[in-house]
PDB file of N, CA and C in Angstrom:
ATOM      1  N   MET A   1      22.108  16.611 -15.666  1.00  0.00           N
ATOM      2  CA  MET A   1      22.211  17.334 -16.466  1.00  0.00           C
ATOM      3  C   MET A   1      22.360  19.045 -15.640  1.00  0.00           C
ATOM      4  N   ASP A   2      23.180  19.039 -17.303  1.00  0.00           N
ATOM      5  CA  ASP A   2      23.810  20.334 -16.806  1.00  0.00           C
ATOM      6  C   ASP A   2      22.403  22.087 -16.433  1.00  0.00           C
ATOM      7  N   GLU A   3      23.228  23.388 -16.035  1.00  0.00           N
ATOM      8  CA  GLU A   3      22.482  24.041 -16.051  1.00  0.00           C
ATOM      9  C   GLU A   3      21.837  24.985 -17.542  1.00  0.00           C
ATOM     10  N   LEU A   4      22.842  23.935 -19.103  1.00  0.00           N
ATOM     11  CA  LEU A   4      22.953  25.491 -20.242  1.00  0.00           C
ATOM     12  C   LEU A   4      21.653  23.469 -21.145  1.00  0.00           C
ATOM     13  N   SER A   5      22.263  22.147 -20.268  1.00  0.00           N
ATOM     14  CA  SER A   5      20.594  21.727 -21.120  1.00  0.00           C
ATOM     15  C   SER A   5      19.969  21.268 -20.425  1.00  0.00           C
ATOM     16  N   LEU A   6      19.377  22.078 -19.127  1.00  0.00           N
ATOM     17  CA  LEU A   6      18.128  21.676 -18.739  1.00  0.00           C
ATOM     18  C   LEU A   6      17.590  23.355 -18.577  1.00  0.00           C
ATOM     19  N   GLU A   7      18.132  24.799 -19.425  1.00  0.00           N
ATOM     20  CA  GLU A   7      17.800  26.178 -20.228  1.00  0.00           C
ATOM     21  C   GLU A   7      17.383  25.598 -20.976  1.00  0.00           C
ATOM     22  N   GLN A   8      18.441  24.716 -21.847  1.00  0.00           N
ATOM     23  CA  GLN A   8      17.514  24.422 -23.605  1.00  0.00           C
ATOM     24  C   GLN A   8      15.871  23.640 -24.115  1.00  0.00           C
ATOM     25  N   VAL A   9      16.063  22.437 -22.762  1.00  0.00           N
ATOM     26  CA  VAL A   9      14.755  21.631 -22.598  1.00  0.00           C
ATOM     27  C   VAL A   9      13.684  22.672 -21.673  1.00  0.00           C
ATOM     28  N   TYR A  10      14.206  23.874 -21.162  1.00  0.00           N
ATOM     29  CA  TYR A  10      12.783  24.057 -21.161  1.00  0.00           C
ATOM     30  C   TYR A  10      12.192  25.519 -22.064  1.00  0.00           C
ATOM     31  N   GLN A  11      12.938  25.832 -22.994  1.00  0.00           N
ATOM     32  CA  GLN A  11      13.122  27.365 -23.788  1.00  0.00           C
ATOM     33  C   GLN A  11      12.043  26.185 -25.149  1.00  0.00           C
ATOM     34  N   GLU A  12      12.877  24.952 -25.580  1.00  0.00           N
ATOM     35  CA  GLU A  12      11.781  24.396 -26.270  1.00  0.00           C
ATOM     36  C   GLU A  12      10.498  24.014 -25.631  1.00  0.00           C
ATOM     37  N   GLY A  13      10.391  24.107 -25.095  1.00  0.00           N
ATOM     38  CA  GLY A  13       8.965  23.680 -24.647  1.00  0.00           C
ATOM     39  C   GLY A  13       7.904  24.920 -24.209  1.00  0.00           C
ATOM     40  N   LEU A  14       8.935  25.780 -23.924  1.00  0.00           N
ATOM     41  CA  LEU A  14       9.112  27.374 -23.955  1.00  0.00           C
ATOM     42  C   LEU A  14       7.465  27.319 -25.029  1.00  0.00           C
ATOM     43  N   GLU A  15       9.150  27.436 -26.532  1.00  0.00           N
ATOM     44  CA  GLU A  15       8.128  27.188 -27.576  1.00  0.00           C
ATOM     45  C   GLU A  15       6.928  26.689 -28.329  1.00  0.00           C
ATOM     46  N   GLU A  16       6.500  25.482 -27.853  1.00  0.00           N
ATOM     47  CA  GLU A  16       6.236  24.881 -27.890  1.00  0.00           C
ATOM     48  C   GLU A  16       4.415  24.978 -27.132  1.00  0.00           C
ATOM     49  N   ARG A  17       5.054  25.837 -26.379  1.00  0.00           N
ATOM     50  CA  ARG A  17       3.533  26.521 -25.692  1.00  0.00           C
ATOM     51  C   ARG A  17       3.514  27.577 -25.716  1.00  0.00           C
ATOM     52  N   VAL A  18       3.813  28.852 -26.393  1.00  0.00           N
ATOM     53  CA  VAL A  18       4.348  29.955 -27.475  1.00  0.00           C
ATOM     54  C   VAL A  18       2.705  29.358 -28.667  1.00  0.00           C
ATOM     55  N   ILE A  19       3.739  28.508 -29.347  1.00  0.00           N
ATOM     56  CA  ILE A  19       3.769  27.549 -31.175  1.00  0.00           C
ATOM     57  C   ILE A  19       1.745  27.579 -30.291  1.00  0.00           C
ATOM     58  N   ALA A  20       1.387  26.658 -29.857  1.00  0.00           N
ATOM     59  CA  ALA A  20       0.858  25.613 -29.570  1.00  0.00           C
ATOM     60  C   ALA A  20      -0.545  26.696 -29.584  1.00  0.00           C
ATOM     61  N   TYR A  21      -0.739  27.513 -28.054  1.00  0.00           N
ATOM     62  CA  TYR A  21      -0.889  29.272 -27.794  1.00  0.00           C
ATOM     63  C   TYR A  21      -1.837  29.394 -28.690  1.00  0.00           C
ATOM     64  N   ILE A  22      -0.867  29.715 -30.114  1.00  0.00           N
ATOM     65  CA  ILE A  22      -0.987  30.908 -30.971  1.00  0.00           C
ATOM     66  C   ILE A  22      -2.190  30.543 -31.560  1.00  0.00           C
ATOM     67  N   ALA A  23      -1.331  29.106 -32.089  1.00  0.00           N
ATOM     68  CA  ALA A  23      -2.858  28.329 -32.889  1.00  0.00           C
ATOM     69  C   ALA A  23      -4.420  28.036 -31.930  1.00  0.00           C
ATOM     70  N   ASP A  24      -4.105  28.100 -31.220  1.00  0.00           N
ATOM     71  CA  ASP A  24      -5.555  27.891 -30.929  1.00  0.00           C
ATOM     72  C   ASP A  24      -6.331  29.206 -30.501  1.00  0.00           C
ATOM     73  N   GLN A  25      -5.539  30.079 -29.360  1.00  0.00           N
ATOM     74  CA  GLN A  25      -6.162  31.526 -29.848  1.00  0.00           C
ATOM     75  C   GLN A  25      -6.495  32.197 -30.589  1.00  0.00           C
ATOM     76  N   ASN A  26      -5.868  32.082 -32.527  1.00  0.00           N
ATOM     77  CA  ASN A  26      -6.232  32.689 -33.138  1.00  0.00           C
ATOM     78  C   ASN A  26      -6.566  31.922 -34.748  1.00  0.00           C
ATOM     79  N   ASN A  27      -7.324  30.841 -34.442  1.00  0.00           N
ATOM     80  CA  ASN A  27      -7.719  29.422 -34.632  1.00  0.00           C
ATOM     81  C   ASN A  27      -7.037  29.502 -35.995  1.00  0.00           C
ATOM     82  N   LEU A  28      -6.383  29.429 -35.672  1.00  0.00           N
ATOM     83  CA  LEU A  28      -5.033  29.096 -37.778  1.00  0.00           C
ATOM     84  C   LEU A  28      -4.347  27.618 -37.071  1.00  0.00           C
ATOM     85  N   SER A  29      -3.344  26.906 -38.326  1.00  0.00           N
ATOM     86  CA  SER A  29      -2.879  25.886 -38.033  1.00  0.00           C
ATOM     87  C   SER A  29      -1.877  25.767 -37.536  1.00  0.00           C
ATOM     88  N   TYR A  30      -1.715  24.374 -36.854  1.00  0.00           N
ATOM     89  CA  TYR A  30       0.080  24.566 -35.668  1.00  0.00           C
ATOM     90  C   TYR A  30       0.930  25.003 -37.351  1.00  0.00           C
ATOM     91  N   GLU A  31       1.160  24.967 -38.494  1.00  0.00           N
ATOM     92  CA  GLU A  31       2.099  25.214 -39.102  1.00  0.00           C
ATOM     93  C   GLU A  31       2.506  26.145 -39.808  1.00  0.00           C
ATOM     94  N   LYS A  32       1.129  26.963 -39.561  1.00  0.00           N
ATOM     95  CA  LYS A  32       0.643  28.841 -40.002  1.00  0.00           C
ATOM     96  C   LYS A  32       1.314  28.362 -38.267  1.00  0.00           C
ATOM     97  N   ALA A  33       1.526  28.407 -37.680  1.00  0.00           N
ATOM     98  CA  ALA A  33       1.177  28.857 -35.858  1.00  0.00           C
ATOM     99  C   ALA A  33       2.273  29.566 -35.885  1.00  0.00           C
ATOM    100  N   MET A  34       3.699  28.019 -35.809  1.00  0.00           N
ATOM    101  CA  MET A  34       5.403  27.409 -36.115  1.00  0.00           C
ATOM    102  C   MET A  34       5.826  28.909 -37.719  1.00  0.00           C
ATOM    103  N   SER A  35       5.377  29.850 -37.897  1.00  0.00           N
ATOM    104  CA  SER A  35       5.396  30.137 -38.806  1.00  0.00           C
ATOM    105  C   SER A  35       5.921  31.497 -38.033  1.00  0.00           C
ATOM    106  N   ILE A  36       4.175  31.921 -36.988  1.00  0.00           N
ATOM    107  CA  ILE A  36       4.784  33.427 -36.694  1.00  0.00           C
ATOM    108  C   ILE A  36       5.666  33.230 -36.292  1.00  0.00           C
ATOM    109  N   TYR A  37       5.347  32.000 -35.297  1.00  0.00           N
ATOM    110  CA  TYR A  37       6.864  31.933 -34.002  1.00  0.00           C
ATOM    111  C   TYR A  37       7.769  31.905 -34.487  1.00  0.00           C
ATOM    112  N   TYR A  38       8.556  31.530 -35.345  1.00  0.00           N
ATOM    113  CA  TYR A  38       9.813  31.660 -35.630  1.00  0.00           C
ATOM    114  C   TYR A  38      10.681  32.874 -36.663  1.00  0.00           C
ATOM    115  N   HIS A  39       9.538  33.041 -37.047  1.00  0.00           N
ATOM    116  CA  HIS A  39      10.066  34.530 -38.244  1.00  0.00           C
ATOM    117  C   HIS A  39       9.468  35.407 -37.783  1.00  0.00           C
ATOM    118  N   SER A  40       9.228  35.390 -35.633  1.00  0.00           N
ATOM    119  CA  SER A  40       9.095  37.240 -35.278  1.00  0.00           C
ATOM    120  C   SER A  40      10.241  37.445 -34.573  1.00  0.00           C
ATOM    121  N   LYS A  41       9.971  38.492 -33.903  1.00  0.00           N
ATOM    122  CA  LYS A  41      11.483  39.127 -33.074  1.00  0.00           C
ATOM    123  C   LYS A  41      11.516  38.417 -32.118  1.00  0.00           C
ATOM    124  N   MET A  42      10.170  37.929 -31.036  1.00  0.00           N
ATOM    125  CA  MET A  42      10.619  37.457 -30.013  1.00  0.00           C
ATOM    126  C   MET A  42      11.028  36.602 -30.023  1.00  0.00           C
ATOM    127  N   ALA A  43      10.752  35.108 -30.593  1.00  0.00           N
ATOM    128  CA  ALA A  43      11.103  34.392 -31.167  1.00  0.00           C
ATOM    129  C   ALA A  43      13.016  34.259 -30.422  1.00  0.00           C
ATOM    130  N   ASN A  44      13.869  35.385 -31.254  1.00  0.00           N
ATOM    131  CA  ASN A  44      14.921  35.562 -32.117  1.00  0.00           C
ATOM    132  C   ASN A  44      15.441  36.203 -30.171  1.00  0.00           C
ATOM    133  N   LYS A  45      14.902  36.491 -29.652  1.00  0.00           N
ATOM    134  CA  LYS A  45      14.946  36.910 -28.116  1.00  0.00           C
ATOM    135  C   LYS A  45      14.615  36.020 -27.348  1.00  0.00           C
ATOM    136  N   ILE A  46      13.830  34.938 -27.028  1.00  0.00           N
ATOM    137  CA  ILE A  46      13.236  34.431 -26.395  1.00  0.00           C
ATOM    138  C   ILE A  46      15.165  33.294 -26.327  1.00  0.00           C
ATOM    139  N   HIS A  47      15.068  33.031 -27.491  1.00  0.00           N
ATOM    140  CA  HIS A  47      15.926  31.970 -27.975  1.00  0.00           C
ATOM    141  C   HIS A  47      17.985  32.784 -27.221  1.00  0.00           C
ATOM    142  N   GLU A  48      18.132  33.781 -27.436  1.00  0.00           N
ATOM    143  CA  GLU A  48      19.186  34.219 -27.438  1.00  0.00           C
ATOM    144  C   GLU A  48      19.485  34.278 -25.613  1.00  0.00           C
ATOM    145  N   GLY A  49      17.988  34.645 -24.594  1.00  0.00           N
ATOM    146  CA  GLY A  49      18.082  34.307 -23.988  1.00  0.00           C
ATOM    147  C   GLY A  49      17.589  36.359 -23.222  1.00  0.00           C
ATOM    148  N   LYS A  50      17.594  37.454 -23.845  1.00  0.00           N
ATOM    149  CA  LYS A  50      17.669  39.084 -23.848  1.00  0.00           C
ATOM    150  C   LYS A  50      16.599  39.273 -22.653  1.00  0.00           C
ATOM    151  N   GLU A  51      17.400  40.133 -21.996  1.00  0.00           N
ATOM    152  CA  GLU A  51      16.057  40.507 -20.774  1.00  0.00           C
ATOM    153  C   GLU A  51      14.372  39.425 -20.423  1.00  0.00           C
ATOM    154  N   ASP A  52      16.129  38.674 -20.081  1.00  0.00           N
ATOM    155  CA  ASP A  52      15.441  37.727 -19.207  1.00  0.00           C
ATOM    156  C   ASP A  52      13.449  37.363 -20.253  1.00  0.00           C
ATOM    157  N   ILE A  53      13.931  37.576 -21.436  1.00  0.00           N
ATOM    158  CA  ILE A  53      11.988  37.109 -21.522  1.00  0.00           C
ATOM    159  C   ILE A  53      11.193  36.029 -21.513  1.00  0.00           C
ATOM    160  N   GLN A  54      11.980  35.234 -21.935  1.00  0.00           N
ATOM    161  CA  GLN A  54      12.304  33.583 -21.445  1.00  0.00           C
ATOM    162  C   GLN A  54      11.298  33.280 -20.900  1.00  0.00           C
ATOM    163  N   TYR A  55      11.825  34.278 -19.847  1.00  0.00           N
ATOM    164  CA  TYR A  55      11.228  33.803 -17.848  1.00  0.00           C
ATOM    165  C   TYR A  55       9.482  33.897 -17.622  1.00  0.00           C
ATOM    166  N   LEU A  56       8.596  35.334 -19.158  1.00  0.00           N
ATOM    167  CA  LEU A  56       7.316  35.140 -19.012  1.00  0.00           C
ATOM    168  C   LEU A  56       6.972  34.322 -19.734  1.00  0.00           C
ATOM    169  N   ASP A  57       5.501  34.075 -18.592  1.00  0.00           N
ATOM    170  CA  ASP A  57       4.392  33.489 -19.478  1.00  0.00           C
ATOM    171  C   ASP A  57       4.006  33.219 -21.269  1.00  0.00           C
ATOM    172  N   TYR A  58       3.710  31.992 -21.026  1.00  0.00           N
ATOM    173  CA  TYR A  58       3.412  31.333 -22.223  1.00  0.00           C
ATOM    174  C   TYR A  58       2.430  32.435 -22.946  1.00  0.00           C
ATOM    175  N   LYS A  59       1.660  32.363 -22.709  1.00  0.00           N
ATOM    176  CA  LYS A  59       0.650  33.572 -22.914  1.00  0.00           C
ATOM    177  C   LYS A  59       1.066  34.960 -22.959  1.00  0.00           C
ATOM    178  N   VAL A  60       1.401  35.598 -21.325  1.00  0.00           N
ATOM    179  CA  VAL A  60       2.117  36.358 -22.072  1.00  0.00           C
ATOM    180  C   VAL A  60       3.393  37.033 -23.035  1.00  0.00           C
ATOM    181  N   LEU A  61       3.667  35.702 -23.505  1.00  0.00           N
ATOM    182  CA  LEU A  61       4.884  35.738 -24.744  1.00  0.00           C
ATOM    183  C   LEU A  61       3.671  36.037 -26.051  1.00  0.00           C
ATOM    184  N   ALA A  62       2.822  34.865 -25.953  1.00  0.00           N
ATOM    185  CA  ALA A  62       1.944  34.897 -27.339  1.00  0.00           C
ATOM    186  C   ALA A  62       1.538  36.521 -28.142  1.00  0.00           C
ATOM    187  N   GLU A  63       0.397  37.258 -26.253  1.00  0.00           N
ATOM    188  CA  GLU A  63      -0.247  38.270 -26.557  1.00  0.00           C
ATOM    189  C   GLU A  63       1.265  38.879 -27.359  1.00  0.00           C
ATOM    190  N   LEU A  64       1.811  38.491 -27.077  1.00  0.00           N
ATOM    191  CA  LEU A  64       2.912  40.230 -27.415  1.00  0.00           C
ATOM    192  C   LEU A  64       3.828  39.911 -28.181  1.00  0.00           C
ATOM    193  N   ILE A  65       3.221  38.975 -28.727  1.00  0.00           N
ATOM    194  CA  ILE A  65       4.235  38.730 -30.306  1.00  0.00           C
ATOM    195  C   ILE A  65       3.053  39.583 -31.071  1.00  0.00           C
ATOM    196  N   LYS A  66       1.444  39.618 -31.283  1.00  0.00           N
ATOM    197  CA  LYS A  66       0.472  39.531 -31.541  1.00  0.00           C
ATOM    198  C   LYS A  66       0.386  40.632 -31.013  1.00  0.00           C
ATOM    199  N   GLU A  67       0.039  41.430 -30.050  1.00  0.00           N
ATOM    200  CA  GLU A  67       0.248  43.158 -30.321  1.00  0.00           C
ATOM    201  C   GLU A  67       1.536  44.060 -30.853  1.00  0.00           C
ATOM    202  N   THR A  68       3.077  43.301 -30.605  1.00  0.00           N
ATOM    203  CA  THR A  68       3.944  44.131 -31.267  1.00  0.00           C
ATOM    204  C   THR A  68       3.554  43.323 -33.078  1.00  0.00           C
ATOM    205  N   GLU A  69       4.009  42.699 -32.895  1.00  0.00           N
ATOM    206  CA  GLU A  69       4.100  41.859 -34.601  1.00  0.00           C
ATOM    207  C   GLU A  69       2.805  41.373 -35.546  1.00  0.00           C
ATOM    208  N   PRO A  70       1.337  42.462 -35.504  1.00  0.00           N
ATOM    209  CA  PRO A  70       0.632  42.490 -36.210  1.00  0.00           C
ATOM    210  C   PRO A  70       0.391  41.435 -36.808  1.00  0.00           C
ATOM    211  N   GLU A  71       1.884  42.095 -38.260  1.00  0.00           N
ATOM    212  CA  GLU A  71       1.833  41.690 -39.749  1.00  0.00           C
ATOM    213  C   GLU A  71       2.152  40.470 -39.518  1.00  0.00           C
ATOM    214  N   LEU A  72       2.444  40.076 -38.807  1.00  0.00           N
ATOM    215  CA  LEU A  72       2.698  37.756 -39.030  1.00  0.00           C
ATOM    216  C   LEU A  72       1.250  37.190 -38.814  1.00  0.00           C
ATOM    217  N   PHE A  73       0.125  38.581 -38.716  1.00  0.00           N
ATOM    218  CA  PHE A  73      -0.839  37.157 -38.386  1.00  0.00           C
ATOM    219  C   PHE A  73      -1.358  37.526 -39.850  1.00  0.00           C
ATOM    220  N   ASP A  74      -1.716  38.114 -40.672  1.00  0.00           N
ATOM    221  CA  ASP A  74      -2.275  38.286 -41.738  1.00  0.00           C
ATOM    222  C   ASP A  74      -2.541  36.499 -42.889  1.00  0.00           C
TER     223      ASP A  74
END
């Protein structure tokens, strides 16, 4: 497995953990948490690897989404 493939697998797992954490911590359905995540600016940063943000803990990323984009939780 090459480096690009490993990075993709890592990011997919990270996305799943962030979404599950958002759902759990905010008492939301998994579908609503997915919508929040994929509509967030953070999701784009993670996907693009901007500022190496994808290496932060998934709980930190979920909290950052809630703090910086609270409108997504309405």
